PDB file of all heavy atoms in Angstrom:
ATOM      1  N   LEU A   1      13.325 -18.565  -4.546  1.00  0.00           N
ATOM      2  CA  LEU A   1      13.052 -17.129  -4.401  1.00  0.00           C
ATOM      3  C   LEU A   1      12.778 -16.499  -5.757  1.00  0.00           C
ATOM      4  O   LEU A   1      11.807 -15.757  -5.922  1.00  0.00           O
ATOM      5  CB  LEU A   1      14.225 -16.422  -3.724  1.00  0.00           C
ATOM      6  CG  LEU A   1      14.058 -14.915  -3.557  1.00  0.00           C
ATOM      7  CD1 LEU A   1      12.958 -14.608  -2.539  1.00  0.00           C
ATOM      8  CD2 LEU A   1      15.359 -14.274  -3.139  1.00  0.00           C
ATOM      9  N   TYR A   2      13.619 -16.843  -6.744  1.00  0.00           N
ATOM     10  CA  TYR A   2      13.451 -16.255  -8.075  1.00  0.00           C
ATOM     11  C   TYR A   2      12.216 -16.775  -8.792  1.00  0.00           C
ATOM     12  O   TYR A   2      11.753 -16.158  -9.744  1.00  0.00           O
ATOM     13  CB  TYR A   2      14.701 -16.468  -8.915  1.00  0.00           C
ATOM     14  CG  TYR A   2      15.866 -15.596  -8.488  1.00  0.00           C
ATOM     15  CD1 TYR A   2      17.168 -15.951  -8.771  1.00  0.00           C
ATOM     16  CD2 TYR A   2      15.662 -14.404  -7.792  1.00  0.00           C
ATOM     17  CE1 TYR A   2      18.242 -15.158  -8.377  1.00  0.00           C
ATOM     18  CE2 TYR A   2      16.714 -13.612  -7.395  1.00  0.00           C
ATOM     19  CZ  TYR A   2      18.001 -13.991  -7.697  1.00  0.00           C
ATOM     20  OH  TYR A   2      19.042 -13.198  -7.312  1.00  0.00           O
ATOM     21  N   HIS A   3      11.678 -17.891  -8.325  1.00  0.00           N
ATOM     22  CA  HIS A   3      10.405 -18.367  -8.872  1.00  0.00           C
ATOM     23  C   HIS A   3       9.285 -17.368  -8.538  1.00  0.00           C
ATOM     24  O   HIS A   3       8.385 -17.156  -9.340  1.00  0.00           O
ATOM     25  CB  HIS A   3      10.074 -19.751  -8.296  1.00  0.00           C
ATOM     26  CG  HIS A   3       8.708 -20.235  -8.666  1.00  0.00           C
ATOM     27  ND1 HIS A   3       8.401 -20.691  -9.926  1.00  0.00           N
ATOM     28  CD2 HIS A   3       7.560 -20.310  -7.943  1.00  0.00           C
ATOM     29  CE1 HIS A   3       7.123 -21.026  -9.965  1.00  0.00           C
ATOM     30  NE2 HIS A   3       6.594 -20.812  -8.766  1.00  0.00           N
ATOM     31  N   HIS A   4       9.386 -16.754  -7.366  1.00  0.00           N
ATOM     32  CA  HIS A   4       8.348 -15.824  -6.920  1.00  0.00           C
ATOM     33  C   HIS A   4       8.686 -14.360  -7.240  1.00  0.00           C
ATOM     34  O   HIS A   4       7.786 -13.563  -7.514  1.00  0.00           O
ATOM     35  CB  HIS A   4       8.123 -15.974  -5.408  1.00  0.00           C
ATOM     36  CG  HIS A   4       7.610 -17.315  -5.028  1.00  0.00           C
ATOM     37  ND1 HIS A   4       6.329 -17.739  -5.307  1.00  0.00           N
ATOM     38  CD2 HIS A   4       8.213 -18.353  -4.400  1.00  0.00           C
ATOM     39  CE1 HIS A   4       6.159 -18.965  -4.868  1.00  0.00           C
ATOM     40  NE2 HIS A   4       7.293 -19.362  -4.313  1.00  0.00           N
ATOM     41  N   TYR A   5       9.951 -14.010  -7.175  1.00  0.00           N
ATOM     42  CA  TYR A   5      10.391 -12.626  -7.406  1.00  0.00           C
ATOM     43  C   TYR A   5      11.618 -12.667  -8.310  1.00  0.00           C
ATOM     44  O   TYR A   5      12.590 -13.356  -7.997  1.00  0.00           O
ATOM     45  CB  TYR A   5      10.726 -11.927  -6.081  1.00  0.00           C
ATOM     46  CG  TYR A   5       9.546 -11.882  -5.147  1.00  0.00           C
ATOM     47  CD1 TYR A   5       9.427 -12.796  -4.107  1.00  0.00           C
ATOM     48  CD2 TYR A   5       8.537 -10.946  -5.335  1.00  0.00           C
ATOM     49  CE1 TYR A   5       8.334 -12.773  -3.259  1.00  0.00           C
ATOM     50  CE2 TYR A   5       7.439 -10.928  -4.487  1.00  0.00           C
ATOM     51  CZ  TYR A   5       7.344 -11.842  -3.462  1.00  0.00           C
ATOM     52  OH  TYR A   5       6.254 -11.817  -2.629  1.00  0.00           O
ATOM     53  N   ALA A   6      11.589 -11.932  -9.405  1.00  0.00           N
ATOM     54  CA  ALA A   6      12.644 -11.995 -10.421  1.00  0.00           C
ATOM     55  C   ALA A   6      14.007 -11.530  -9.913  1.00  0.00           C
ATOM     56  O   ALA A   6      15.018 -11.796 -10.537  1.00  0.00           O
ATOM     57  CB  ALA A   6      12.234 -11.177 -11.642  1.00  0.00           C
ATOM     58  N   GLY A   7      14.046 -10.847  -8.802  1.00  0.00           N
ATOM     59  CA  GLY A   7      15.309 -10.360  -8.259  1.00  0.00           C
ATOM     60  C   GLY A   7      15.047  -9.375  -7.143  1.00  0.00           C
ATOM     61  O   GLY A   7      13.897  -9.170  -6.711  1.00  0.00           O
ATOM     62  N   LYS A   8      16.092  -8.736  -6.689  1.00  0.00           N
ATOM     63  CA  LYS A   8      15.997  -7.800  -5.568  1.00  0.00           C
ATOM     64  C   LYS A   8      15.085  -6.618  -5.899  1.00  0.00           C
ATOM     65  O   LYS A   8      14.274  -6.201  -5.064  1.00  0.00           O
ATOM     66  CB  LYS A   8      17.402  -7.322  -5.196  1.00  0.00           C
ATOM     67  CG  LYS A   8      17.450  -6.389  -4.003  1.00  0.00           C
ATOM     68  CD  LYS A   8      18.903  -6.073  -3.677  1.00  0.00           C
ATOM     69  CE  LYS A   8      19.040  -4.887  -2.773  1.00  0.00           C
ATOM     70  NZ  LYS A   8      20.435  -4.580  -2.457  1.00  0.00           N
ATOM     71  N   ASP A   9      15.191  -6.086  -7.119  1.00  0.00           N
ATOM     72  CA  ASP A   9      14.328  -4.964  -7.508  1.00  0.00           C
ATOM     73  C   ASP A   9      12.856  -5.357  -7.473  1.00  0.00           C
ATOM     74  O   ASP A   9      12.011  -4.606  -6.977  1.00  0.00           O
ATOM     75  CB  ASP A   9      14.683  -4.454  -8.907  1.00  0.00           C
ATOM     76  CG  ASP A   9      15.988  -3.690  -8.953  1.00  0.00           C
ATOM     77  OD1 ASP A   9      16.546  -3.375  -7.880  1.00  0.00           O
ATOM     78  OD2 ASP A   9      16.459  -3.406 -10.073  1.00  0.00           O
ATOM     79  N   ALA A  10      12.554  -6.536  -8.009  1.00  0.00           N
ATOM     80  CA  ALA A  10      11.159  -7.005  -8.017  1.00  0.00           C
ATOM     81  C   ALA A  10      10.656  -7.249  -6.600  1.00  0.00           C
ATOM     82  O   ALA A  10       9.493  -6.954  -6.287  1.00  0.00           O
ATOM     83  CB  ALA A  10      11.030  -8.277  -8.851  1.00  0.00           C
ATOM     84  N   LEU A  11      11.523  -7.775  -5.750  1.00  0.00           N
ATOM     85  CA  LEU A  11      11.143  -7.996  -4.362  1.00  0.00           C
ATOM     86  C   LEU A  11      10.884  -6.665  -3.663  1.00  0.00           C
ATOM     87  O   LEU A  11       9.880  -6.508  -2.950  1.00  0.00           O
ATOM     88  CB  LEU A  11      12.235  -8.787  -3.636  1.00  0.00           C
ATOM     89  CG  LEU A  11      11.981  -9.135  -2.176  1.00  0.00           C
ATOM     90  CD1 LEU A  11      10.684  -9.907  -2.001  1.00  0.00           C
ATOM     91  CD2 LEU A  11      13.171  -9.937  -1.631  1.00  0.00           C
ATOM     92  N   PHE A  12      11.758  -5.691  -3.881  1.00  0.00           N
ATOM     93  CA  PHE A  12      11.547  -4.377  -3.283  1.00  0.00           C
ATOM     94  C   PHE A  12      10.244  -3.754  -3.787  1.00  0.00           C
ATOM     95  O   PHE A  12       9.471  -3.190  -3.006  1.00  0.00           O
ATOM     96  CB  PHE A  12      12.716  -3.432  -3.588  1.00  0.00           C
ATOM     97  CG  PHE A  12      12.525  -2.076  -2.993  1.00  0.00           C
ATOM     98  CD1 PHE A  12      12.851  -1.838  -1.662  1.00  0.00           C
ATOM     99  CD2 PHE A  12      11.981  -1.030  -3.729  1.00  0.00           C
ATOM    100  CE1 PHE A  12      12.647  -0.593  -1.083  1.00  0.00           C
ATOM    101  CE2 PHE A  12      11.777   0.218  -3.157  1.00  0.00           C
ATOM    102  CZ  PHE A  12      12.105   0.435  -1.830  1.00  0.00           C
ATOM    103  N   GLU A  13       9.988  -3.867  -5.082  1.00  0.00           N
ATOM    104  CA  GLU A  13       8.757  -3.296  -5.634  1.00  0.00           C
ATOM    105  C   GLU A  13       7.523  -3.961  -5.028  1.00  0.00           C
ATOM    106  O   GLU A  13       6.521  -3.295  -4.750  1.00  0.00           O
ATOM    107  CB  GLU A  13       8.749  -3.419  -7.153  1.00  0.00           C
ATOM    108  CG  GLU A  13       7.665  -2.571  -7.782  1.00  0.00           C
ATOM    109  CD  GLU A  13       7.859  -2.347  -9.273  1.00  0.00           C
ATOM    110  OE1 GLU A  13       8.944  -2.607  -9.807  1.00  0.00           O
ATOM    111  OE2 GLU A  13       6.886  -1.885  -9.889  1.00  0.00           O
ATOM    112  N   ALA A  14       7.582  -5.270  -4.788  1.00  0.00           N
ATOM    113  CA  ALA A  14       6.459  -5.963  -4.142  1.00  0.00           C
ATOM    114  C   ALA A  14       6.273  -5.476  -2.715  1.00  0.00           C
ATOM    115  O   ALA A  14       5.137  -5.281  -2.252  1.00  0.00           O
ATOM    116  CB  ALA A  14       6.692  -7.475  -4.171  1.00  0.00           C
ATOM    117  N   VAL A  15       7.381  -5.261  -1.999  1.00  0.00           N
ATOM    118  CA  VAL A  15       7.307  -4.711  -0.642  1.00  0.00           C
ATOM    119  C   VAL A  15       6.689  -3.316  -0.676  1.00  0.00           C
ATOM    120  O   VAL A  15       5.805  -2.994   0.125  1.00  0.00           O
ATOM    121  CB  VAL A  15       8.714  -4.681   0.012  1.00  0.00           C
ATOM    122  CG1 VAL A  15       8.725  -3.801   1.262  1.00  0.00           C
ATOM    123  CG2 VAL A  15       9.179  -6.088   0.340  1.00  0.00           C
ATOM    124  N   LEU A  16       7.139  -2.497  -1.605  1.00  0.00           N
ATOM    125  CA  LEU A  16       6.598  -1.137  -1.727  1.00  0.00           C
ATOM    126  C   LEU A  16       5.118  -1.154  -2.063  1.00  0.00           C
ATOM    127  O   LEU A  16       4.328  -0.421  -1.465  1.00  0.00           O
ATOM    128  CB  LEU A  16       7.385  -0.355  -2.782  1.00  0.00           C
ATOM    129  CG  LEU A  16       6.899   1.065  -3.067  1.00  0.00           C
ATOM    130  CD1 LEU A  16       6.972   1.937  -1.813  1.00  0.00           C
ATOM    131  CD2 LEU A  16       7.724   1.681  -4.199  1.00  0.00           C
ATOM    132  N   GLU A  17       4.743  -1.998  -2.995  1.00  0.00           N
ATOM    133  CA  GLU A  17       3.329  -2.105  -3.390  1.00  0.00           C
ATOM    134  C   GLU A  17       2.463  -2.502  -2.192  1.00  0.00           C
ATOM    135  O   GLU A  17       1.411  -1.907  -1.943  1.00  0.00           O
ATOM    136  CB  GLU A  17       3.195  -3.143  -4.506  1.00  0.00           C
ATOM    137  CG  GLU A  17       1.831  -3.215  -5.132  1.00  0.00           C
ATOM    138  CD  GLU A  17       1.646  -2.259  -6.288  1.00  0.00           C
ATOM    139  OE1 GLU A  17       2.589  -1.996  -7.031  1.00  0.00           O
ATOM    140  OE2 GLU A  17       0.503  -1.781  -6.432  1.00  0.00           O
ATOM    141  N   ALA A  18       2.908  -3.480  -1.423  1.00  0.00           N
ATOM    142  CA  ALA A  18       2.151  -3.917  -0.242  1.00  0.00           C
ATOM    143  C   ALA A  18       2.096  -2.807   0.800  1.00  0.00           C
ATOM    144  O   ALA A  18       1.051  -2.594   1.443  1.00  0.00           O
ATOM    145  CB  ALA A  18       2.782  -5.172   0.350  1.00  0.00           C
ATOM    146  N   THR A  19       3.191  -2.085   0.967  1.00  0.00           N
ATOM    147  CA  THR A  19       3.227  -0.996   1.943  1.00  0.00           C
ATOM    148  C   THR A  19       2.312   0.134   1.516  1.00  0.00           C
ATOM    149  O   THR A  19       1.552   0.671   2.332  1.00  0.00           O
ATOM    150  CB  THR A  19       4.679  -0.488   2.124  1.00  0.00           C
ATOM    151  OG1 THR A  19       5.508  -1.594   2.502  1.00  0.00           O
ATOM    152  CG2 THR A  19       4.756   0.589   3.185  1.00  0.00           C
ATOM    153  N   GLU A  20       2.351   0.507   0.241  1.00  0.00           N
ATOM    154  CA  GLU A  20       1.464   1.562  -0.274  1.00  0.00           C
ATOM    155  C   GLU A  20      -0.002   1.168  -0.117  1.00  0.00           C
ATOM    156  O   GLU A  20      -0.835   1.999   0.250  1.00  0.00           O
ATOM    157  CB  GLU A  20       1.773   1.856  -1.746  1.00  0.00           C
ATOM    158  CG  GLU A  20       3.058   2.586  -1.987  1.00  0.00           C
ATOM    159  CD  GLU A  20       2.963   4.087  -1.756  1.00  0.00           C
ATOM    160  OE1 GLU A  20       1.938   4.581  -1.258  1.00  0.00           O
ATOM    161  OE2 GLU A  20       3.943   4.771  -2.081  1.00  0.00           O
ATOM    162  N   SER A  21      -0.303  -0.084  -0.372  1.00  0.00           N
ATOM    163  CA  SER A  21      -1.675  -0.560  -0.223  1.00  0.00           C
ATOM    164  C   SER A  21      -2.127  -0.464   1.236  1.00  0.00           C
ATOM    165  O   SER A  21      -3.254  -0.027   1.521  1.00  0.00           O
ATOM    166  CB  SER A  21      -1.767  -2.009  -0.715  1.00  0.00           C
ATOM    167  OG  SER A  21      -3.073  -2.492  -0.569  1.00  0.00           O
ATOM    168  N   ALA A  22      -1.248  -0.845   2.153  1.00  0.00           N
ATOM    169  CA  ALA A  22      -1.574  -0.755   3.583  1.00  0.00           C
ATOM    170  C   ALA A  22      -1.750   0.697   4.020  1.00  0.00           C
ATOM    171  O   ALA A  22      -2.657   1.006   4.807  1.00  0.00           O
ATOM    172  CB  ALA A  22      -0.478  -1.431   4.414  1.00  0.00           C
ATOM    173  N   ILE A  23      -0.919   1.587   3.512  1.00  0.00           N
ATOM    174  CA  ILE A  23      -1.060   3.014   3.824  1.00  0.00           C
ATOM    175  C   ILE A  23      -2.406   3.521   3.341  1.00  0.00           C
ATOM    176  O   ILE A  23      -3.125   4.205   4.071  1.00  0.00           O
ATOM    177  CB  ILE A  23       0.083   3.834   3.179  1.00  0.00           C
ATOM    178  CG1 ILE A  23       1.410   3.535   3.852  1.00  0.00           C
ATOM    179  CG2 ILE A  23      -0.217   5.335   3.228  1.00  0.00           C
ATOM    180  CD1 ILE A  23       2.623   4.060   3.071  1.00  0.00           C
ATOM    181  N   GLY A  24      -2.746   3.185   2.098  1.00  0.00           N
ATOM    182  CA  GLY A  24      -4.030   3.608   1.550  1.00  0.00           C
ATOM    183  C   GLY A  24      -5.202   3.123   2.387  1.00  0.00           C
ATOM    184  O   GLY A  24      -6.151   3.868   2.645  1.00  0.00           O
ATOM    185  N   ALA A  25      -5.126   1.882   2.843  1.00  0.00           N
ATOM    186  CA  ALA A  25      -6.201   1.323   3.675  1.00  0.00           C
ATOM    187  C   ALA A  25      -6.285   2.055   5.012  1.00  0.00           C
ATOM    188  O   ALA A  25      -7.390   2.350   5.499  1.00  0.00           O
ATOM    189  CB  ALA A  25      -5.967  -0.168   3.901  1.00  0.00           C
ATOM    190  N   ARG A  26      -5.135   2.368   5.605  1.00  0.00           N
ATOM    191  CA  ARG A  26      -5.148   3.062   6.903  1.00  0.00           C
ATOM    192  C   ARG A  26      -5.669   4.488   6.764  1.00  0.00           C
ATOM    193  O   ARG A  26      -6.391   4.971   7.641  1.00  0.00           O
ATOM    194  CB  ARG A  26      -3.755   3.022   7.514  1.00  0.00           C
ATOM    195  CG  ARG A  26      -3.413   1.607   7.993  1.00  0.00           C
ATOM    196  CD  ARG A  26      -2.017   1.439   8.470  1.00  0.00           C
ATOM    197  NE  ARG A  26      -1.784   2.107   9.737  1.00  0.00           N
ATOM    198  CZ  ARG A  26      -0.616   2.105  10.355  1.00  0.00           C
ATOM    199  NH1 ARG A  26       0.416   1.472   9.824  1.00  0.00           N
ATOM    200  NH2 ARG A  26      -0.468   2.726  11.499  1.00  0.00           N
ATOM    201  N   ILE A  27      -5.316   5.155   5.681  1.00  0.00           N
ATOM    202  CA  ILE A  27      -5.830   6.508   5.468  1.00  0.00           C
ATOM    203  C   ILE A  27      -7.327   6.460   5.184  1.00  0.00           C
ATOM    204  O   ILE A  27      -8.092   7.278   5.709  1.00  0.00           O
ATOM    205  CB  ILE A  27      -5.047   7.231   4.361  1.00  0.00           C
ATOM    206  CG1 ILE A  27      -3.618   7.523   4.857  1.00  0.00           C
ATOM    207  CG2 ILE A  27      -5.748   8.524   3.941  1.00  0.00           C
ATOM    208  CD1 ILE A  27      -2.684   8.074   3.804  1.00  0.00           C
ATOM    209  N   ALA A  28      -7.755   5.489   4.383  1.00  0.00           N
ATOM    210  CA  ALA A  28      -9.192   5.339   4.106  1.00  0.00           C
ATOM    211  C   ALA A  28      -9.961   5.077   5.400  1.00  0.00           C
ATOM    212  O   ALA A  28     -11.048   5.633   5.606  1.00  0.00           O
ATOM    213  CB  ALA A  28      -9.428   4.210   3.104  1.00  0.00           C
ATOM    214  N   ASP A  29      -9.401   4.274   6.296  1.00  0.00           N
ATOM    215  CA  ASP A  29     -10.032   4.028   7.592  1.00  0.00           C
ATOM    216  C   ASP A  29     -10.125   5.323   8.400  1.00  0.00           C
ATOM    217  O   ASP A  29     -11.130   5.576   9.066  1.00  0.00           O
ATOM    218  CB  ASP A  29      -9.255   2.994   8.410  1.00  0.00           C
ATOM    219  CG  ASP A  29      -9.461   1.574   7.911  1.00  0.00           C
ATOM    220  OD1 ASP A  29     -10.393   1.345   7.111  1.00  0.00           O
ATOM    221  OD2 ASP A  29      -8.661   0.699   8.309  1.00  0.00           O
ATOM    222  N   ALA A  30      -9.070   6.129   8.333  1.00  0.00           N
ATOM    223  CA  ALA A  30      -9.050   7.381   9.106  1.00  0.00           C
ATOM    224  C   ALA A  30     -10.125   8.355   8.641  1.00  0.00           C
ATOM    225  O   ALA A  30     -10.680   9.090   9.458  1.00  0.00           O
ATOM    226  CB  ALA A  30      -7.669   8.039   9.013  1.00  0.00           C
ATOM    227  N   VAL A  31     -10.419   8.365   7.351  1.00  0.00           N
ATOM    228  CA  VAL A  31     -11.392   9.338   6.839  1.00  0.00           C
ATOM    229  C   VAL A  31     -12.803   8.769   6.714  1.00  0.00           C
ATOM    230  O   VAL A  31     -13.734   9.511   6.402  1.00  0.00           O
ATOM    231  CB  VAL A  31     -10.943   9.939   5.478  1.00  0.00           C
ATOM    232  CG1 VAL A  31      -9.611  10.637   5.608  1.00  0.00           C
ATOM    233  CG2 VAL A  31     -10.911   8.900   4.390  1.00  0.00           C
ATOM    234  N   ARG A  32     -12.938   7.479   6.998  1.00  0.00           N
ATOM    235  CA  ARG A  32     -14.270   6.862   6.907  1.00  0.00           C
ATOM    236  C   ARG A  32     -15.234   7.601   7.827  1.00  0.00           C
ATOM    237  O   ARG A  32     -14.946   7.845   8.993  1.00  0.00           O
ATOM    238  CB  ARG A  32     -14.192   5.393   7.293  1.00  0.00           C
ATOM    239  CG  ARG A  32     -15.458   4.622   6.953  1.00  0.00           C
ATOM    240  CD  ARG A  32     -15.342   3.136   7.191  1.00  0.00           C
ATOM    241  NE  ARG A  32     -14.049   2.497   7.063  1.00  0.00           N
ATOM    242  CZ  ARG A  32     -13.422   2.149   5.919  1.00  0.00           C
ATOM    243  NH1 ARG A  32     -13.950   2.377   4.809  1.00  0.00           N
ATOM    244  NH2 ARG A  32     -12.260   1.571   5.915  1.00  0.00           N
ATOM    245  N   GLY A  33     -16.342   7.986   7.289  1.00  0.00           N
ATOM    246  CA  GLY A  33     -17.360   8.673   8.075  1.00  0.00           C
ATOM    247  C   GLY A  33     -17.182  10.183   8.148  1.00  0.00           C
ATOM    248  O   GLY A  33     -18.026  10.869   8.718  1.00  0.00           O
ATOM    249  N   VAL A  34     -16.110  10.720   7.586  1.00  0.00           N
ATOM    250  CA  VAL A  34     -15.908  12.174   7.569  1.00  0.00           C
ATOM    251  C   VAL A  34     -16.596  12.690   6.312  1.00  0.00           C
ATOM    252  O   VAL A  34     -16.123  12.476   5.197  1.00  0.00           O
ATOM    253  CB  VAL A  34     -14.407  12.554   7.567  1.00  0.00           C
ATOM    254  CG1 VAL A  34     -14.240  14.058   7.549  1.00  0.00           C
ATOM    255  CG2 VAL A  34     -13.694  11.931   8.764  1.00  0.00           C
ATOM    256  N   ALA A  35     -17.724  13.359   6.496  1.00  0.00           N
ATOM    257  CA  ALA A  35     -18.549  13.768   5.360  1.00  0.00           C
ATOM    258  C   ALA A  35     -18.025  15.008   4.643  1.00  0.00           C
ATOM    259  O   ALA A  35     -18.116  15.098   3.420  1.00  0.00           O
ATOM    260  CB  ALA A  35     -19.979  14.016   5.835  1.00  0.00           C
ATOM    261  N   ASP A  36     -17.492  15.965   5.379  1.00  0.00           N
ATOM    262  CA  ASP A  36     -17.017  17.204   4.768  1.00  0.00           C
ATOM    263  C   ASP A  36     -15.719  16.933   3.999  1.00  0.00           C
ATOM    264  O   ASP A  36     -14.748  16.450   4.598  1.00  0.00           O
ATOM    265  CB  ASP A  36     -16.781  18.259   5.849  1.00  0.00           C
ATOM    266  CG  ASP A  36     -16.194  19.533   5.277  1.00  0.00           C
ATOM    267  OD1 ASP A  36     -16.815  20.110   4.357  1.00  0.00           O
ATOM    268  OD2 ASP A  36     -15.102  19.932   5.742  1.00  0.00           O
ATOM    269  N   PRO A  37     -15.666  17.234   2.690  1.00  0.00           N
ATOM    270  CA  PRO A  37     -14.465  16.950   1.896  1.00  0.00           C
ATOM    271  C   PRO A  37     -13.196  17.630   2.423  1.00  0.00           C
ATOM    272  O   PRO A  37     -12.124  17.029   2.412  1.00  0.00           O
ATOM    273  CB  PRO A  37     -14.821  17.462   0.501  1.00  0.00           C
ATOM    274  CG  PRO A  37     -16.307  17.434   0.445  1.00  0.00           C
ATOM    275  CD  PRO A  37     -16.759  17.738   1.850  1.00  0.00           C
ATOM    276  N   ALA A  38     -13.307  18.866   2.888  1.00  0.00           N
ATOM    277  CA  ALA A  38     -12.123  19.561   3.420  1.00  0.00           C
ATOM    278  C   ALA A  38     -11.640  18.877   4.698  1.00  0.00           C
ATOM    279  O   ALA A  38     -10.434  18.689   4.893  1.00  0.00           O
ATOM    280  CB  ALA A  38     -12.433  21.033   3.686  1.00  0.00           C
ATOM    281  N   ALA A  39     -12.570  18.478   5.552  1.00  0.00           N
ATOM    282  CA  ALA A  39     -12.192  17.780   6.780  1.00  0.00           C
ATOM    283  C   ALA A  39     -11.589  16.413   6.462  1.00  0.00           C
ATOM    284  O   ALA A  39     -10.640  15.982   7.114  1.00  0.00           O
ATOM    285  CB  ALA A  39     -13.408  17.623   7.696  1.00  0.00           C
TER     286      ALA A  39
END
């Protein structure tokens, strides 16, 4: 485990990073094709 993640904090940060990336992708999908910036 420590070969891949230095500890619990590093593992949590990797989980957070993956979750934030997935959120960004889902929001980008939601706004895809919406031309008006306010919309």
